């Protein structure tokens, strides 16, 4: 029998390539999920702060500026998205019993970072990859405005 030492090396390199692709995919998905949790936390925090504080100058511009600066400073772990805008606005909801309750709506609009990661851009463009990353996602969070509680 002949020695076939080269076959082992070829098989190892193919398996290693698949294993590393899977490992880095899991790591990057974890970073994307961390970014999603961070954006959700910022929305909840902004809605909470807006619902317990009074509007200055009839708007929540000071809170929008504060959270925009916080989000821009954090920049996200994956770098796939960057903040386009954050808006905080009051809303009125009419319940089934006819009573109206004030709410605060926080909207965060993200923009796909074109210079984020060329590998993600390349992989998401392959026809056999079924995972498509959102181009410009928008997230909304609504919280009851505690300033309108009747005493």
Protein backbone atom coordinates (compact mmCIF):
# COMPACT_ATOMS: atom_id res chain seq x y z
CA UNK A 1 0.00 0.00 0.00
CA UNK A 2 1.10 3.50 -0.75
CA UNK A 3 1.24 6.22 1.82
CA UNK A 4 -1.53 8.79 1.42
CA UNK A 5 -0.44 11.51 3.84
CA UNK A 6 -1.67 14.33 1.59
CA UNK A 7 -5.26 13.10 1.79
CA UNK A 8 -5.37 13.72 5.53
CA UNK A 9 -4.17 17.28 5.08
CA UNK A 10 -6.81 18.04 2.42
CA UNK A 11 -9.63 16.56 4.53
CA UNK A 12 -8.43 18.44 7.60
CA UNK A 13 -8.34 21.76 5.73
CA UNK A 14 -11.89 21.27 4.41
CA UNK A 15 -13.27 20.36 7.83
CA UNK A 16 -11.34 23.21 9.47
CA UNK A 17 -12.78 25.70 6.97
CA UNK A 18 -16.33 24.57 7.72
CA UNK A 19 -15.72 24.55 11.47
CA UNK A 20 -14.20 28.05 11.51
CA UNK A 21 -17.01 29.41 9.33
CA UNK A 22 -19.57 28.01 11.76
CA UNK A 23 -17.68 29.28 14.81
CA UNK A 24 -17.26 32.82 13.46
CA UNK A 25 -20.91 32.83 12.33
CA UNK A 26 -22.03 31.98 15.86
CA UNK A 27 -19.77 34.68 17.33
CA UNK A 28 -21.03 37.33 14.90
CA UNK A 29 -24.66 36.35 15.50
CA UNK A 30 -23.98 36.83 19.22
CA UNK A 31 -22.66 40.34 18.52
CA UNK A 32 -25.75 41.16 16.44
CA UNK A 33 -28.00 39.89 19.22
CA UNK A 34 -26.09 42.01 21.75
CA UNK A 35 -26.65 45.06 19.54
CA UNK A 36 -30.38 44.25 19.36
CA UNK A 37 -30.56 43.99 23.16
CA UNK A 38 -28.65 47.26 23.54
CA UNK A 39 -31.03 49.13 21.21
CA UNK A 40 -34.02 47.62 23.04
CA UNK A 41 -32.58 48.72 26.38
CA UNK A 42 -31.98 52.27 25.13
CA UNK A 43 -35.57 52.47 23.84
CA UNK A 44 -36.98 51.20 27.12
CA UNK A 45 -34.79 53.57 29.12
CA UNK A 46 -35.71 56.56 26.94
CA UNK A 47 -39.42 55.72 27.17
CA UNK A 48 -39.20 55.32 30.93
CA UNK A 49 -37.37 58.61 31.39
CA UNK A 50 -39.83 60.40 29.10
CA UNK A 51 -42.83 58.92 30.90
CA UNK A 52 -41.73 60.07 34.36
CA UNK A 53 -40.27 63.46 33.45
CA UNK A 54 -42.06 66.52 32.17
CA UNK A 55 -41.45 67.86 28.70
CA UNK A 56 -39.10 70.83 28.48
CA UNK A 57 -40.24 73.43 25.96
CA UNK A 58 -43.18 71.19 25.00
CA UNK A 59 -40.98 68.47 23.50
CA UNK A 60 -38.58 65.68 24.35
CA UNK A 61 -35.69 67.11 22.31
CA UNK A 62 -33.35 67.08 25.29
CA UNK A 63 -33.94 63.34 25.77
CA UNK A 64 -33.56 62.63 22.05
CA UNK A 65 -30.21 64.42 22.07
CA UNK A 66 -29.07 62.63 25.21
CA UNK A 67 -29.89 59.15 23.89
CA UNK A 68 -28.56 59.90 20.41
CA UNK A 69 -25.23 60.84 21.95
CA UNK A 70 -25.26 57.72 24.16
CA UNK A 71 -26.02 55.41 21.23
CA UNK A 72 -23.46 57.08 18.97
CA UNK A 73 -20.81 56.76 21.66
CA UNK A 74 -21.48 53.03 22.10
CA UNK A 75 -21.42 52.29 18.33
CA UNK A 76 -22.55 48.68 18.72
CA UNK A 77 -20.39 45.59 18.83
CA UNK A 78 -21.16 44.24 15.36
CA UNK A 79 -20.91 47.58 13.57
CA UNK A 80 -23.54 46.39 11.08
CA UNK A 81 -25.96 49.22 11.89
CA UNK A 82 -25.58 52.86 12.86
CA UNK A 83 -28.19 55.19 14.33
CA UNK A 84 -30.08 57.30 11.85
CA UNK A 85 -32.55 58.95 14.23
CA UNK A 86 -34.34 58.65 17.54
CA UNK A 87 -37.69 60.31 18.18
CA UNK A 88 -39.72 60.53 21.37
CA UNK A 89 -43.30 61.71 21.00
CA UNK A 90 -46.46 61.68 23.07
CA UNK A 91 -49.52 59.70 22.01
CA UNK A 92 -53.06 59.32 23.27
CA UNK A 93 -54.74 55.92 23.46
CA UNK A 94 -58.48 55.53 23.91
CA UNK A 95 -59.38 52.41 25.88
CA UNK A 96 -62.51 50.31 25.49
CA UNK A 97 -64.16 52.10 28.44
CA UNK A 98 -63.72 55.47 26.70
CA UNK A 99 -60.96 56.80 28.93
CA UNK A 100 -57.94 58.32 27.27
CA UNK A 101 -54.43 57.58 28.49
CA UNK A 102 -51.28 59.33 27.43
CA UNK A 103 -48.37 57.27 26.18
CA UNK A 104 -44.83 57.91 25.05
CA UNK A 105 -43.63 56.41 21.76
CA UNK A 106 -39.90 55.97 21.20
CA UNK A 107 -38.79 55.21 17.64
CA UNK A 108 -35.23 54.29 16.73
CA UNK A 109 -34.32 54.17 13.04
CA UNK A 110 -31.13 52.40 12.10
CA UNK A 111 -29.17 52.53 8.88
CA UNK A 112 -27.09 49.72 7.44
CA UNK A 113 -23.43 50.60 7.78
CA UNK A 114 -21.97 50.15 4.30
CA UNK A 115 -18.41 49.93 5.64
CA UNK A 116 -19.22 47.60 8.52
CA UNK A 117 -18.05 44.17 7.53
CA UNK A 118 -17.37 43.16 3.92
CA UNK A 119 -17.75 39.47 4.78
CA UNK A 120 -21.37 39.99 5.94
CA UNK A 121 -22.14 41.97 2.79
CA UNK A 122 -20.60 39.25 0.64
CA UNK A 123 -22.33 36.37 2.46
CA UNK A 124 -25.76 38.07 2.50
CA UNK A 125 -25.54 38.49 -1.29
CA UNK A 126 -25.07 34.78 -1.99
CA UNK A 127 -28.22 33.23 -3.51
CA UNK A 128 -28.12 30.05 -1.39
CA UNK A 129 -27.86 31.95 1.91
CA UNK A 130 -31.40 32.43 3.20
CA UNK A 131 -30.51 34.91 5.98
CA UNK A 132 -31.10 38.48 4.85
CA UNK A 133 -30.06 41.34 7.10
CA UNK A 134 -32.48 44.21 7.43
CA UNK A 135 -31.42 47.20 5.38
CA UNK A 136 -32.91 50.00 7.48
CA UNK A 137 -34.76 48.59 10.51
CA UNK A 138 -37.07 50.69 12.68
CA UNK A 139 -37.95 49.77 16.26
CA UNK A 140 -40.85 51.22 18.29
CA UNK A 141 -41.42 51.12 22.03
CA UNK A 142 -44.54 52.46 23.78
CA UNK A 143 -44.86 53.22 27.50
CA UNK A 144 -47.69 54.66 29.59
CA UNK A 145 -47.04 58.28 30.54
CA UNK A 146 -47.01 58.47 34.33
CA UNK A 147 -47.45 62.24 34.32
CA UNK A 148 -51.15 61.79 33.56
CA UNK A 149 -52.00 59.63 36.58
CA UNK A 150 -55.00 61.08 38.39
CA UNK A 151 -54.36 61.78 42.06
